[in-house]
PDB file of N, CA and C in Angstrom:
ATOM      1  N   MET A   1      19.111 -21.395  -6.896  1.00  0.00           N
ATOM      2  CA  MET A   1      18.515 -22.968  -8.883  1.00  0.00           C
ATOM      3  C   MET A   1      20.012 -21.999  -9.417  1.00  0.00           C
ATOM      4  N   THR A   2      21.120 -22.687 -10.108  1.00  0.00           N
ATOM      5  CA  THR A   2      21.822 -22.420 -10.899  1.00  0.00           C
ATOM      6  C   THR A   2      21.381 -23.192 -12.915  1.00  0.00           C
ATOM      7  N   SER A   3      21.384 -22.580 -13.645  1.00  0.00           N
ATOM      8  CA  SER A   3      20.919 -23.314 -14.915  1.00  0.00           C
ATOM      9  C   SER A   3      21.941 -23.635 -15.553  1.00  0.00           C
ATOM     10  N   THR A   4      21.639 -24.667 -16.853  1.00  0.00           N
ATOM     11  CA  THR A   4      22.843 -24.748 -16.676  1.00  0.00           C
ATOM     12  C   THR A   4      22.084 -25.579 -17.988  1.00  0.00           C
ATOM     13  N   THR A   5      23.389 -25.715 -19.571  1.00  0.00           N
ATOM     14  CA  THR A   5      22.821 -26.061 -20.802  1.00  0.00           C
ATOM     15  C   THR A   5      24.278 -27.394 -20.674  1.00  0.00           C
ATOM     16  N   THR A   6      23.940 -28.286 -21.860  1.00  0.00           N
ATOM     17  CA  THR A   6      24.917 -29.462 -22.443  1.00  0.00           C
ATOM     18  C   THR A   6      25.479 -29.372 -23.851  1.00  0.00           C
ATOM     19  N   SER A   7      26.890 -29.221 -23.792  1.00  0.00           N
ATOM     20  CA  SER A   7      26.484 -29.172 -25.044  1.00  0.00           C
ATOM     21  C   SER A   7      27.412 -29.769 -25.774  1.00  0.00           C
ATOM     22  N   SER A   8      27.676 -30.024 -26.871  1.00  0.00           N
ATOM     23  CA  SER A   8      27.645 -30.678 -28.499  1.00  0.00           C
ATOM     24  C   SER A   8      29.164 -32.152 -27.915  1.00  0.00           C
ATOM     25  N   LYS A   9      29.684 -31.634 -27.130  1.00  0.00           N
ATOM     26  CA  LYS A   9      30.749 -32.694 -26.476  1.00  0.00           C
ATOM     27  C   LYS A   9      29.757 -33.696 -25.400  1.00  0.00           C
ATOM     28  N   GLY A  10      28.694 -33.059 -24.579  1.00  0.00           N
ATOM     29  CA  GLY A  10      28.537 -33.623 -23.324  1.00  0.00           C
ATOM     30  C   GLY A  10      28.549 -32.939 -22.116  1.00  0.00           C
ATOM     31  N   LYS A  11      29.481 -31.836 -21.979  1.00  0.00           N
ATOM     32  CA  LYS A  11      29.784 -31.226 -20.796  1.00  0.00           C
ATOM     33  C   LYS A  11      28.721 -30.517 -20.530  1.00  0.00           C
ATOM     34  N   LYS A  12      28.595 -30.097 -19.298  1.00  0.00           N
ATOM     35  CA  LYS A  12      27.337 -29.019 -19.384  1.00  0.00           C
ATOM     36  C   LYS A  12      28.321 -27.795 -18.619  1.00  0.00           C
ATOM     37  N   GLN A  13      27.136 -26.465 -19.132  1.00  0.00           N
ATOM     38  CA  GLN A  13      27.820 -25.162 -19.516  1.00  0.00           C
ATOM     39  C   GLN A  13      26.857 -24.816 -18.900  1.00  0.00           C
ATOM     40  N   MET A  14      27.152 -23.206 -17.517  1.00  0.00           N
ATOM     41  CA  MET A  14      25.951 -22.462 -16.600  1.00  0.00           C
ATOM     42  C   MET A  14      25.502 -21.482 -18.949  1.00  0.00           C
ATOM     43  N   ALA A  15      24.380 -21.394 -18.541  1.00  0.00           N
ATOM     44  CA  ALA A  15      23.588 -20.748 -18.886  1.00  0.00           C
ATOM     45  C   ALA A  15      23.766 -19.258 -19.217  1.00  0.00           C
ATOM     46  N   THR A  16      23.869 -18.746 -20.719  1.00  0.00           N
ATOM     47  CA  THR A  16      24.627 -16.724 -20.619  1.00  0.00           C
ATOM     48  C   THR A  16      22.778 -16.467 -20.687  1.00  0.00           C
ATOM     49  N   TYR A  17      23.278 -15.316 -20.272  1.00  0.00           N
ATOM     50  CA  TYR A  17      22.776 -13.755 -19.354  1.00  0.00           C
ATOM     51  C   TYR A  17      21.350 -14.424 -21.061  1.00  0.00           C
ATOM     52  N   ALA A  18      21.365 -14.660 -22.362  1.00  0.00           N
ATOM     53  CA  ALA A  18      20.658 -14.250 -23.153  1.00  0.00           C
ATOM     54  C   ALA A  18      19.404 -15.583 -23.136  1.00  0.00           C
ATOM     55  N   GLU A  19      19.880 -16.651 -22.532  1.00  0.00           N
ATOM     56  CA  GLU A  19      18.911 -17.921 -22.524  1.00  0.00           C
ATOM     57  C   GLU A  19      18.235 -17.934 -21.281  1.00  0.00           C
ATOM     58  N   LEU A  20      18.986 -17.045 -20.233  1.00  0.00           N
ATOM     59  CA  LEU A  20      17.945 -16.864 -18.341  1.00  0.00           C
ATOM     60  C   LEU A  20      17.292 -16.428 -18.988  1.00  0.00           C
ATOM     61  N   GLN A  21      17.202 -14.961 -19.770  1.00  0.00           N
ATOM     62  CA  GLN A  21      16.574 -14.198 -20.252  1.00  0.00           C
ATOM     63  C   GLN A  21      15.284 -14.728 -20.637  1.00  0.00           C
ATOM     64  N   GLU A  22      15.621 -15.605 -21.905  1.00  0.00           N
ATOM     65  CA  GLU A  22      14.261 -16.362 -22.716  1.00  0.00           C
ATOM     66  C   GLU A  22      13.056 -17.473 -21.923  1.00  0.00           C
ATOM     67  N   GLN A  23      14.003 -17.518 -21.455  1.00  0.00           N
ATOM     68  CA  GLN A  23      13.166 -18.572 -19.427  1.00  0.00           C
ATOM     69  C   GLN A  23      12.282 -18.030 -18.785  1.00  0.00           C
ATOM     70  N   ILE A  24      13.443 -16.422 -18.612  1.00  0.00           N
ATOM     71  CA  ILE A  24      12.242 -15.588 -17.766  1.00  0.00           C
ATOM     72  C   ILE A  24      11.280 -15.538 -18.686  1.00  0.00           C
ATOM     73  N   LYS A  25      10.660 -14.968 -19.683  1.00  0.00           N
ATOM     74  CA  LYS A  25      10.216 -14.661 -20.685  1.00  0.00           C
ATOM     75  C   LYS A  25       9.410 -15.521 -20.629  1.00  0.00           C
ATOM     76  N   LYS A  26       9.872 -16.864 -21.042  1.00  0.00           N
ATOM     77  CA  LYS A  26       8.605 -18.259 -21.438  1.00  0.00           C
ATOM     78  C   LYS A  26       8.215 -18.440 -20.248  1.00  0.00           C
ATOM     79  N   LEU A  27       8.264 -18.044 -18.658  1.00  0.00           N
ATOM     80  CA  LEU A  27       7.917 -18.631 -17.275  1.00  0.00           C
ATOM     81  C   LEU A  27       6.506 -17.137 -17.100  1.00  0.00           C
ATOM     82  N   GLN A  28       7.565 -16.093 -16.907  1.00  0.00           N
ATOM     83  CA  GLN A  28       5.903 -14.919 -17.304  1.00  0.00           C
ATOM     84  C   GLN A  28       5.040 -15.378 -18.398  1.00  0.00           C
ATOM     85  N   GLU A  29       5.705 -16.137 -20.117  1.00  0.00           N
ATOM     86  CA  GLU A  29       3.780 -15.898 -19.779  1.00  0.00           C
ATOM     87  C   GLU A  29       3.261 -16.945 -19.688  1.00  0.00           C
ATOM     88  N   GLU A  30       4.134 -18.461 -19.441  1.00  0.00           N
ATOM     89  CA  GLU A  30       2.996 -19.234 -18.349  1.00  0.00           C
ATOM     90  C   GLU A  30       2.043 -19.063 -17.528  1.00  0.00           C
ATOM     91  N   ALA A  31       3.052 -17.784 -16.219  1.00  0.00           N
ATOM     92  CA  ALA A  31       2.127 -17.651 -15.609  1.00  0.00           C
ATOM     93  C   ALA A  31       0.780 -17.095 -15.567  1.00  0.00           C
ATOM     94  N   GLU A  32       1.335 -16.090 -16.770  1.00  0.00           N
ATOM     95  CA  GLU A  32       0.121 -14.752 -16.908  1.00  0.00           C
ATOM     96  C   GLU A  32      -1.813 -15.821 -17.046  1.00  0.00           C
ATOM     97  N   LYS A  33      -0.860 -16.875 -18.711  1.00  0.00           N
ATOM     98  CA  LYS A  33      -1.814 -17.803 -18.744  1.00  0.00           C
ATOM     99  C   LYS A  33      -2.868 -18.165 -17.307  1.00  0.00           C
ATOM    100  N   VAL A  34      -1.426 -18.845 -16.175  1.00  0.00           N
ATOM    101  CA  VAL A  34      -1.966 -19.827 -15.798  1.00  0.00           C
ATOM    102  C   VAL A  34      -2.997 -18.377 -14.676  1.00  0.00           C
ATOM    103  N   ARG A  35      -2.560 -16.971 -14.449  1.00  0.00           N
ATOM    104  CA  ARG A  35      -2.869 -15.927 -13.582  1.00  0.00           C
ATOM    105  C   ARG A  35      -4.511 -15.960 -14.152  1.00  0.00           C
ATOM    106  N   ALA A  36      -4.489 -15.799 -15.105  1.00  0.00           N
ATOM    107  CA  ALA A  36      -6.327 -15.477 -16.033  1.00  0.00           C
ATOM    108  C   ALA A  36      -6.933 -16.009 -16.438  1.00  0.00           C
ATOM    109  N   ALA A  37      -6.672 -18.237 -16.121  1.00  0.00           N
ATOM    110  CA  ALA A  37      -7.969 -19.429 -15.849  1.00  0.00           C
ATOM    111  C   ALA A  37      -8.249 -19.461 -13.763  1.00  0.00           C
ATOM    112  N   GLU A  38      -7.670 -18.899 -12.950  1.00  0.00           N
ATOM    113  CA  GLU A  38      -7.037 -19.074 -12.243  1.00  0.00           C
ATOM    114  C   GLU A  38      -7.916 -17.882 -11.817  1.00  0.00           C
ATOM    115  N   ILE A  39      -8.125 -17.113 -11.763  1.00  0.00           N
ATOM    116  CA  ILE A  39      -8.990 -15.249 -12.183  1.00  0.00           C
ATOM    117  C   ILE A  39     -10.512 -16.239 -12.372  1.00  0.00           C
ATOM    118  N   GLU A  40     -10.736 -16.006 -13.676  1.00  0.00           N
ATOM    119  CA  GLU A  40     -11.706 -17.109 -13.894  1.00  0.00           C
ATOM    120  C   GLU A  40     -12.353 -17.203 -13.406  1.00  0.00           C
ATOM    121  N   SER A  41     -11.947 -18.181 -12.403  1.00  0.00           N
ATOM    122  CA  SER A  41     -12.398 -19.500 -11.866  1.00  0.00           C
ATOM    123  C   SER A  41     -12.858 -18.735 -10.516  1.00  0.00           C
ATOM    124  N   VAL A  42     -11.988 -18.651  -9.731  1.00  0.00           N
ATOM    125  CA  VAL A  42     -12.280 -17.362  -8.987  1.00  0.00           C
ATOM    126  C   VAL A  42     -13.598 -16.370  -8.865  1.00  0.00           C
ATOM    127  N   LEU A  43     -13.473 -15.835  -9.870  1.00  0.00           N
ATOM    128  CA  LEU A  43     -14.918 -15.105 -10.061  1.00  0.00           C
ATOM    129  C   LEU A  43     -16.097 -15.326 -10.502  1.00  0.00           C
ATOM    130  N   ALA A  44     -16.196 -16.924 -10.423  1.00  0.00           N
ATOM    131  CA  ALA A  44     -16.797 -18.054 -10.734  1.00  0.00           C
ATOM    132  C   ALA A  44     -17.234 -17.574  -9.526  1.00  0.00           C
ATOM    133  N   ASP A  45     -16.712 -18.248  -8.615  1.00  0.00           N
ATOM    134  CA  ASP A  45     -16.857 -18.669  -7.914  1.00  0.00           C
ATOM    135  C   ASP A  45     -17.238 -17.517  -7.277  1.00  0.00           C
ATOM    136  N   VAL A  46     -17.016 -16.507  -6.907  1.00  0.00           N
ATOM    137  CA  VAL A  46     -17.644 -15.348  -6.113  1.00  0.00           C
ATOM    138  C   VAL A  46     -19.175 -14.855  -6.699  1.00  0.00           C
ATOM    139  N   LYS A  47     -19.121 -15.058  -7.660  1.00  0.00           N
ATOM    140  CA  LYS A  47     -20.598 -14.386  -8.342  1.00  0.00           C
ATOM    141  C   LYS A  47     -21.136 -15.433  -7.997  1.00  0.00           C
ATOM    142  N   ASP A  48     -21.525 -16.598  -8.022  1.00  0.00           N
ATOM    143  CA  ASP A  48     -22.307 -18.308  -7.147  1.00  0.00           C
ATOM    144  C   ASP A  48     -22.490 -17.652  -6.128  1.00  0.00           C
ATOM    145  N   LYS A  49     -21.038 -16.778  -5.220  1.00  0.00           N
ATOM    146  CA  LYS A  49     -21.827 -17.320  -3.326  1.00  0.00           C
ATOM    147  C   LYS A  49     -22.409 -14.937  -3.684  1.00  0.00           C
ATOM    148  N   ILE A  50     -22.126 -14.290  -3.714  1.00  0.00           N
ATOM    149  CA  ILE A  50     -22.632 -12.998  -3.888  1.00  0.00           C
ATOM    150  C   ILE A  50     -24.548 -13.229  -4.315  1.00  0.00           C
ATOM    151  N   LYS A  51     -24.796 -14.345  -5.765  1.00  0.00           N
ATOM    152  CA  LYS A  51     -26.243 -14.836  -6.117  1.00  0.00           C
ATOM    153  C   LYS A  51     -26.077 -16.005  -5.049  1.00  0.00           C
ATOM    154  N   GLN A  52     -26.221 -16.530  -4.264  1.00  0.00           N
ATOM    155  CA  GLN A  52     -26.279 -17.424  -3.134  1.00  0.00           C
ATOM    156  C   GLN A  52     -27.039 -16.938  -2.287  1.00  0.00           C
ATOM    157  N   TYR A  53     -26.327 -15.580  -2.004  1.00  0.00           N
ATOM    158  CA  TYR A  53     -26.203 -14.761  -0.498  1.00  0.00           C
ATOM    159  C   TYR A  53     -27.091 -14.292  -0.236  1.00  0.00           C
ATOM    160  N   GLY A  54     -26.985 -13.188  -1.590  1.00  0.00           N
ATOM    161  CA  GLY A  54     -28.556 -12.097  -2.503  1.00  0.00           C
ATOM    162  C   GLY A  54     -27.109 -11.177  -1.737  1.00  0.00           C
ATOM    163  N   LEU A  55     -25.857 -11.009  -1.740  1.00  0.00           N
ATOM    164  CA  LEU A  55     -25.150 -10.373  -1.354  1.00  0.00           C
ATOM    165  C   LEU A  55     -25.473  -8.077  -2.273  1.00  0.00           C
ATOM    166  N   THR A  56     -25.660  -7.636  -1.359  1.00  0.00           N
ATOM    167  CA  THR A  56     -25.320  -6.482  -2.217  1.00  0.00           C
ATOM    168  C   THR A  56     -23.421  -5.770  -2.185  1.00  0.00           C
ATOM    169  N   ALA A  57     -23.740  -4.801  -3.905  1.00  0.00           N
ATOM    170  CA  ALA A  57     -22.102  -4.232  -3.584  1.00  0.00           C
ATOM    171  C   ALA A  57     -21.933  -3.525  -2.520  1.00  0.00           C
ATOM    172  N   GLU A  58     -22.949  -2.565  -2.257  1.00  0.00           N
ATOM    173  CA  GLU A  58     -22.367  -1.335  -0.205  1.00  0.00           C
ATOM    174  C   GLU A  58     -21.731  -3.124   0.352  1.00  0.00           C
ATOM    175  N   GLN A  59     -21.911  -4.309   0.894  1.00  0.00           N
ATOM    176  CA  GLN A  59     -22.251  -4.877   2.214  1.00  0.00           C
ATOM    177  C   GLN A  59     -20.714  -5.518   1.369  1.00  0.00           C
ATOM    178  N   LEU A  60     -20.097  -5.818   0.256  1.00  0.00           N
ATOM    179  CA  LEU A  60     -19.218  -6.215  -0.063  1.00  0.00           C
ATOM    180  C   LEU A  60     -18.065  -4.808  -0.125  1.00  0.00           C
ATOM    181  N   GLY A  61     -18.258  -3.741   0.259  1.00  0.00           N
ATOM    182  CA  GLY A  61     -17.584  -2.860   0.209  1.00  0.00           C
ATOM    183  C   GLY A  61     -17.206  -1.971  -1.430  1.00  0.00           C
ATOM    184  N   LEU A  62     -18.181  -2.199  -2.151  1.00  0.00           N
ATOM    185  CA  LEU A  62     -17.587  -1.839  -3.181  1.00  0.00           C
ATOM    186  C   LEU A  62     -19.053   0.034  -4.306  1.00  0.00           C
ATOM    187  N   VAL A  63     -19.106   0.252  -3.045  1.00  0.00           N
ATOM    188  CA  VAL A  63     -19.977   1.465  -3.351  1.00  0.00           C
ATOM    189  C   VAL A  63     -18.820   2.606  -3.731  1.00  0.00           C
ATOM    190  N   ALA A  64     -19.044   3.811  -4.309  1.00  0.00           N
ATOM    191  CA  ALA A  64     -18.282   4.948  -4.088  1.00  0.00           C
ATOM    192  C   ALA A  64     -19.008   5.687  -2.717  1.00  0.00           C
ATOM    193  N   VAL A  65     -17.800   6.068  -3.234  1.00  0.00           N
ATOM    194  CA  VAL A  65     -17.903   7.362  -1.282  1.00  0.00           C
ATOM    195  C   VAL A  65     -17.771   8.368  -2.356  1.00  0.00           C
ATOM    196  N   SER A  66     -19.358   9.643  -1.717  1.00  0.00           N
ATOM    197  CA  SER A  66     -19.882  10.076  -2.254  1.00  0.00           C
ATOM    198  C   SER A  66     -18.995  11.266  -1.553  1.00  0.00           C
ATOM    199  N   ARG A  67     -18.779  12.602  -1.816  1.00  0.00           N
ATOM    200  CA  ARG A  67     -18.277  13.443  -1.774  1.00  0.00           C
ATOM    201  C   ARG A  67     -18.597  14.757  -2.276  1.00  0.00           C
ATOM    202  N   LYS A  68     -20.195  14.487  -1.485  1.00  0.00           N
ATOM    203  CA  LYS A  68     -20.443  15.212  -1.634  1.00  0.00           C
ATOM    204  C   LYS A  68     -20.185  16.376   0.432  1.00  0.00           C
ATOM    205  N   GLY A  69     -20.057  17.578  -0.352  1.00  0.00           N
ATOM    206  CA  GLY A  69     -19.851  18.692   0.378  1.00  0.00           C
ATOM    207  C   GLY A  69     -17.993  18.562   0.785  1.00  0.00           C
ATOM    208  N   LYS A  70     -17.747  18.409  -0.380  1.00  0.00           N
ATOM    209  CA  LYS A  70     -16.141  17.920  -0.106  1.00  0.00           C
ATOM    210  C   LYS A  70     -15.424  19.427  -1.712  1.00  0.00           C
ATOM    211  N   GLY A  71     -14.868  20.032  -1.637  1.00  0.00           N
ATOM    212  CA  GLY A  71     -14.562  20.866  -2.819  1.00  0.00           C
ATOM    213  C   GLY A  71     -13.976  19.258  -4.193  1.00  0.00           C
ATOM    214  N   SER A  72     -13.508  19.978  -4.959  1.00  0.00           N
ATOM    215  CA  SER A  72     -12.673  19.585  -5.893  1.00  0.00           C
ATOM    216  C   SER A  72     -11.699  19.255  -5.476  1.00  0.00           C
ATOM    217  N   LYS A  73     -10.831  18.525  -6.553  1.00  0.00           N
ATOM    218  CA  LYS A  73      -9.225  18.827  -6.250  1.00  0.00           C
ATOM    219  C   LYS A  73      -8.530  20.061  -6.630  1.00  0.00           C
ATOM    220  N   GLY A  74      -9.708  20.742  -7.222  1.00  0.00           N
ATOM    221  CA  GLY A  74      -8.778  21.206  -8.776  1.00  0.00           C
ATOM    222  C   GLY A  74      -9.053  23.130  -8.010  1.00  0.00           C
ATOM    223  N   THR A  75      -9.908  23.218  -6.671  1.00  0.00           N
ATOM    224  CA  THR A  75     -10.071  24.519  -5.771  1.00  0.00           C
ATOM    225  C   THR A  75      -8.653  24.691  -4.833  1.00  0.00           C
ATOM    226  N   ALA A  76      -9.090  25.923  -4.423  1.00  0.00           N
ATOM    227  CA  ALA A  76      -7.686  26.526  -4.177  1.00  0.00           C
ATOM    228  C   ALA A  76      -8.189  26.630  -2.190  1.00  0.00           C
ATOM    229  N   LYS A  77      -7.531  25.862  -1.350  1.00  0.00           N
ATOM    230  CA  LYS A  77      -8.174  25.577  -0.158  1.00  0.00           C
ATOM    231  C   LYS A  77      -8.989  27.177   0.518  1.00  0.00           C
ATOM    232  N   GLU A  78      -9.168  27.010   1.236  1.00  0.00           N
ATOM    233  CA  GLU A  78     -10.229  28.675   1.445  1.00  0.00           C
ATOM    234  C   GLU A  78      -9.010  28.722   2.616  1.00  0.00           C
ATOM    235  N   SER A  79      -8.823  29.928   2.558  1.00  0.00           N
ATOM    236  CA  SER A  79      -7.789  30.546   3.593  1.00  0.00           C
ATOM    237  C   SER A  79      -8.578  31.034   5.424  1.00  0.00           C
ATOM    238  N   THR A  80      -7.667  31.523   5.781  1.00  0.00           N
ATOM    239  CA  THR A  80      -8.635  32.421   7.072  1.00  0.00           C
ATOM    240  C   THR A  80      -7.913  33.242   6.517  1.00  0.00           C
ATOM    241  N   VAL A  81      -9.571  34.688   7.325  1.00  0.00           N
ATOM    242  CA  VAL A  81      -8.237  35.639   7.070  1.00  0.00           C
ATOM    243  C   VAL A  81      -8.068  36.356   8.674  1.00  0.00           C
ATOM    244  N   MET A  82      -6.594  36.881   8.190  1.00  0.00           N
ATOM    245  CA  MET A  82      -6.000  37.656   9.577  1.00  0.00           C
ATOM    246  C   MET A  82      -6.298  38.921   9.594  1.00  0.00           C
ATOM    247  N   TYR A  83      -6.258  39.378   8.667  1.00  0.00           N
ATOM    248  CA  TYR A  83      -5.922  40.754   8.558  1.00  0.00           C
ATOM    249  C   TYR A  83      -6.984  41.443   7.889  1.00  0.00           C
ATOM    250  N   LYS A  84      -7.496  42.498   8.202  1.00  0.00           N
ATOM    251  CA  LYS A  84      -8.715  43.600   8.093  1.00  0.00           C
ATOM    252  C   LYS A  84      -8.549  44.600   7.497  1.00  0.00           C
ATOM    253  N   LYS A  85      -8.698  45.077   6.144  1.00  0.00           N
ATOM    254  CA  LYS A  85      -8.965  46.826   6.342  1.00  0.00           C
ATOM    255  C   LYS A  85     -10.009  47.415   4.995  1.00  0.00           C
ATOM    256  N   GLY A  86     -11.140  47.709   5.750  1.00  0.00           N
ATOM    257  CA  GLY A  86     -12.279  48.299   4.976  1.00  0.00           C
ATOM    258  C   GLY A  86     -12.894  46.610   4.414  1.00  0.00           C
ATOM    259  N   GLU A  87     -13.008  46.355   3.433  1.00  0.00           N
ATOM    260  CA  GLU A  87     -13.465  45.065   2.502  1.00  0.00           C
ATOM    261  C   GLU A  87     -12.066  44.266   1.786  1.00  0.00           C
ATOM    262  N   LEU A  88     -10.869  44.873   2.069  1.00  0.00           N
ATOM    263  CA  LEU A  88      -9.245  44.188   1.767  1.00  0.00           C
ATOM    264  C   LEU A  88      -9.570  43.092   3.414  1.00  0.00           C
ATOM    265  N   THR A  89      -8.505  42.182   2.666  1.00  0.00           N
ATOM    266  CA  THR A  89      -7.990  40.873   2.951  1.00  0.00           C
ATOM    267  C   THR A  89      -7.106  40.054   3.737  1.00  0.00           C
ATOM    268  N   TRP A  90      -6.403  39.916   4.227  1.00  0.00           N
ATOM    269  CA  TRP A  90      -4.987  39.309   4.226  1.00  0.00           C
ATOM    270  C   TRP A  90      -5.101  37.826   5.197  1.00  0.00           C
ATOM    271  N   SER A  91      -4.787  36.781   4.705  1.00  0.00           N
ATOM    272  CA  SER A  91      -4.580  35.343   5.235  1.00  0.00           C
ATOM    273  C   SER A  91      -3.451  35.804   5.786  1.00  0.00           C
ATOM    274  N   GLY A  92      -2.439  36.173   5.930  1.00  0.00           N
ATOM    275  CA  GLY A  92      -0.806  36.462   6.889  1.00  0.00           C
ATOM    276  C   GLY A  92      -0.573  34.719   5.970  1.00  0.00           C
ATOM    277  N   ALA A  93      -0.735  34.834   5.030  1.00  0.00           N
ATOM    278  CA  ALA A  93       0.221  33.005   4.803  1.00  0.00           C
ATOM    279  C   ALA A  93       1.401  33.592   4.712  1.00  0.00           C
ATOM    280  N   ALA A  94       2.612  33.209   5.138  1.00  0.00           N
ATOM    281  CA  ALA A  94       3.906  33.125   4.234  1.00  0.00           C
ATOM    282  C   ALA A  94       4.282  33.001   2.641  1.00  0.00           C
ATOM    283  N   ARG A  95       3.400  32.239   1.806  1.00  0.00           N
ATOM    284  CA  ARG A  95       3.976  32.006   0.966  1.00  0.00           C
ATOM    285  C   ARG A  95       3.035  33.086  -0.495  1.00  0.00           C
ATOM    286  N   GLY A  96       3.245  33.405  -1.340  1.00  0.00           N
ATOM    287  CA  GLY A  96       3.351  34.114  -1.974  1.00  0.00           C
ATOM    288  C   GLY A  96       3.415  36.052  -1.363  1.00  0.00           C
ATOM    289  N   ARG A  97       3.035  36.808  -2.557  1.00  0.00           N
ATOM    290  CA  ARG A  97       2.983  38.158  -2.757  1.00  0.00           C
ATOM    291  C   ARG A  97       2.442  38.665  -1.831  1.00  0.00           C
ATOM    292  N   LYS A  98       2.751  39.603  -0.975  1.00  0.00           N
ATOM    293  CA  LYS A  98       1.579  40.257  -0.077  1.00  0.00           C
ATOM    294  C   LYS A  98       0.487  41.736  -0.406  1.00  0.00           C
ATOM    295  N   PRO A  99      -0.141  41.779  -0.726  1.00  0.00           N
ATOM    296  CA  PRO A  99      -1.147  42.166  -1.065  1.00  0.00           C
ATOM    297  C   PRO A  99      -0.711  44.153  -1.116  1.00  0.00           C
ATOM    298  N   ALA A 100      -1.491  44.405  -2.492  1.00  0.00           N
ATOM    299  CA  ALA A 100      -0.360  45.326  -2.089  1.00  0.00           C
ATOM    300  C   ALA A 100      -1.004  46.545  -0.592  1.00  0.00           C
ATOM    301  N   TRP A 101      -2.317  46.961  -0.244  1.00  0.00           N
ATOM    302  CA  TRP A 101      -2.380  46.759   0.887  1.00  0.00           C
ATOM    303  C   TRP A 101      -1.803  46.891   2.041  1.00  0.00           C
ATOM    304  N   VAL A 102      -1.684  46.163   2.099  1.00  0.00           N
ATOM    305  CA  VAL A 102      -0.529  45.589   3.423  1.00  0.00           C
ATOM    306  C   VAL A 102       1.648  46.161   3.302  1.00  0.00           C
ATOM    307  N   VAL A 103       1.367  46.123   1.780  1.00  0.00           N
ATOM    308  CA  VAL A 103       2.911  46.837   1.053  1.00  0.00           C
ATOM    309  C   VAL A 103       3.402  48.432   1.718  1.00  0.00           C
ATOM    310  N   GLU A 104       1.712  48.718   1.613  1.00  0.00           N
ATOM    311  CA  GLU A 104       1.772  50.791   1.188  1.00  0.00           C
ATOM    312  C   GLU A 104       1.471  50.464   2.514  1.00  0.00           C
ATOM    313  N   ALA A 105       0.511  50.261   3.472  1.00  0.00           N
ATOM    314  CA  ALA A 105       0.410  50.571   4.885  1.00  0.00           C
ATOM    315  C   ALA A 105       1.735  49.810   5.953  1.00  0.00           C
ATOM    316  N   GLN A 106       2.564  49.134   5.426  1.00  0.00           N
ATOM    317  CA  GLN A 106       4.179  48.670   5.936  1.00  0.00           C
ATOM    318  C   GLN A 106       5.081  50.213   5.549  1.00  0.00           C
ATOM    319  N   ALA A 107       4.788  50.317   4.449  1.00  0.00           N
ATOM    320  CA  ALA A 107       5.503  51.346   3.801  1.00  0.00           C
ATOM    321  C   ALA A 107       5.189  52.936   4.875  1.00  0.00           C
ATOM    322  N   ALA A 108       3.952  52.997   4.895  1.00  0.00           N
ATOM    323  CA  ALA A 108       4.324  54.085   6.361  1.00  0.00           C
ATOM    324  C   ALA A 108       4.510  53.770   6.407  1.00  0.00           C
ATOM    325  N   GLY A 109       4.656  52.783   7.314  1.00  0.00           N
ATOM    326  CA  GLY A 109       4.922  52.729   8.778  1.00  0.00           C
ATOM    327  C   GLY A 109       3.425  51.489   9.679  1.00  0.00           C
ATOM    328  N   GLU A 110       2.933  51.102   8.978  1.00  0.00           N
ATOM    329  CA  GLU A 110       1.858  51.547  10.241  1.00  0.00           C
ATOM    330  C   GLU A 110       1.890  49.982  11.033  1.00  0.00           C
ATOM    331  N   ASP A 111       1.633  49.394  11.706  1.00  0.00           N
ATOM    332  CA  ASP A 111       1.741  48.771  12.165  1.00  0.00           C
ATOM    333  C   ASP A 111       0.715  48.078  12.051  1.00  0.00           C
ATOM    334  N   LEU A 112       0.872  46.654  11.151  1.00  0.00           N
ATOM    335  CA  LEU A 112       0.092  45.854  10.646  1.00  0.00           C
ATOM    336  C   LEU A 112      -0.906  44.670  11.796  1.00  0.00           C
ATOM    337  N   GLU A 113      -0.700  44.936  13.646  1.00  0.00           N
ATOM    338  CA  GLU A 113      -2.047  44.568  14.750  1.00  0.00           C
ATOM    339  C   GLU A 113      -2.926  45.867  14.373  1.00  0.00           C
ATOM    340  N   GLN A 114      -2.700  46.542  14.463  1.00  0.00           N
ATOM    341  CA  GLN A 114      -4.483  47.723  14.164  1.00  0.00           C
ATOM    342  C   GLN A 114      -5.276  46.635  12.776  1.00  0.00           C
ATOM    343  N   TYR A 115      -5.039  46.268  11.868  1.00  0.00           N
ATOM    344  CA  TYR A 115      -5.790  45.439  11.108  1.00  0.00           C
ATOM    345  C   TYR A 115      -6.435  44.285  11.453  1.00  0.00           C
ATOM    346  N   ARG A 116      -5.782  43.050  12.542  1.00  0.00           N
ATOM    347  CA  ARG A 116      -6.152  41.482  12.804  1.00  0.00           C
ATOM    348  C   ARG A 116      -6.838  41.718  13.049  1.00  0.00           C
ATOM    349  N   VAL A 117      -7.554  40.775  13.175  1.00  0.00           N
ATOM    350  CA  VAL A 117      -8.971  39.766  12.425  1.00  0.00           C
ATOM    351  C   VAL A 117      -9.229  39.499  14.503  1.00  0.00           C
TER     352      VAL A 117
END
């Protein structure tokens, strides 16, 4: 679809970028008004159906899922202990620094497998 304008001499010219942008803006505003009106109509219809059939939020899938038993987003994931020396433990994860007791044991030439859980 090509947009054209008519000059004062009656010739058709291509619309400028600015003119096209203005047309787009006006169409978007009009579309938002139509959308808002349609939403009002749809909501009224849905509310009538809910009332007519006595539907519940759960039946409509609108009930929030319980996070019971799950940790909050801010908590760290519990790691599995792979090595233990008395009360000291280490997951053996490749991330982060090794605990001091592991570094000391390795420096002393100890085999970490003796501490594997």
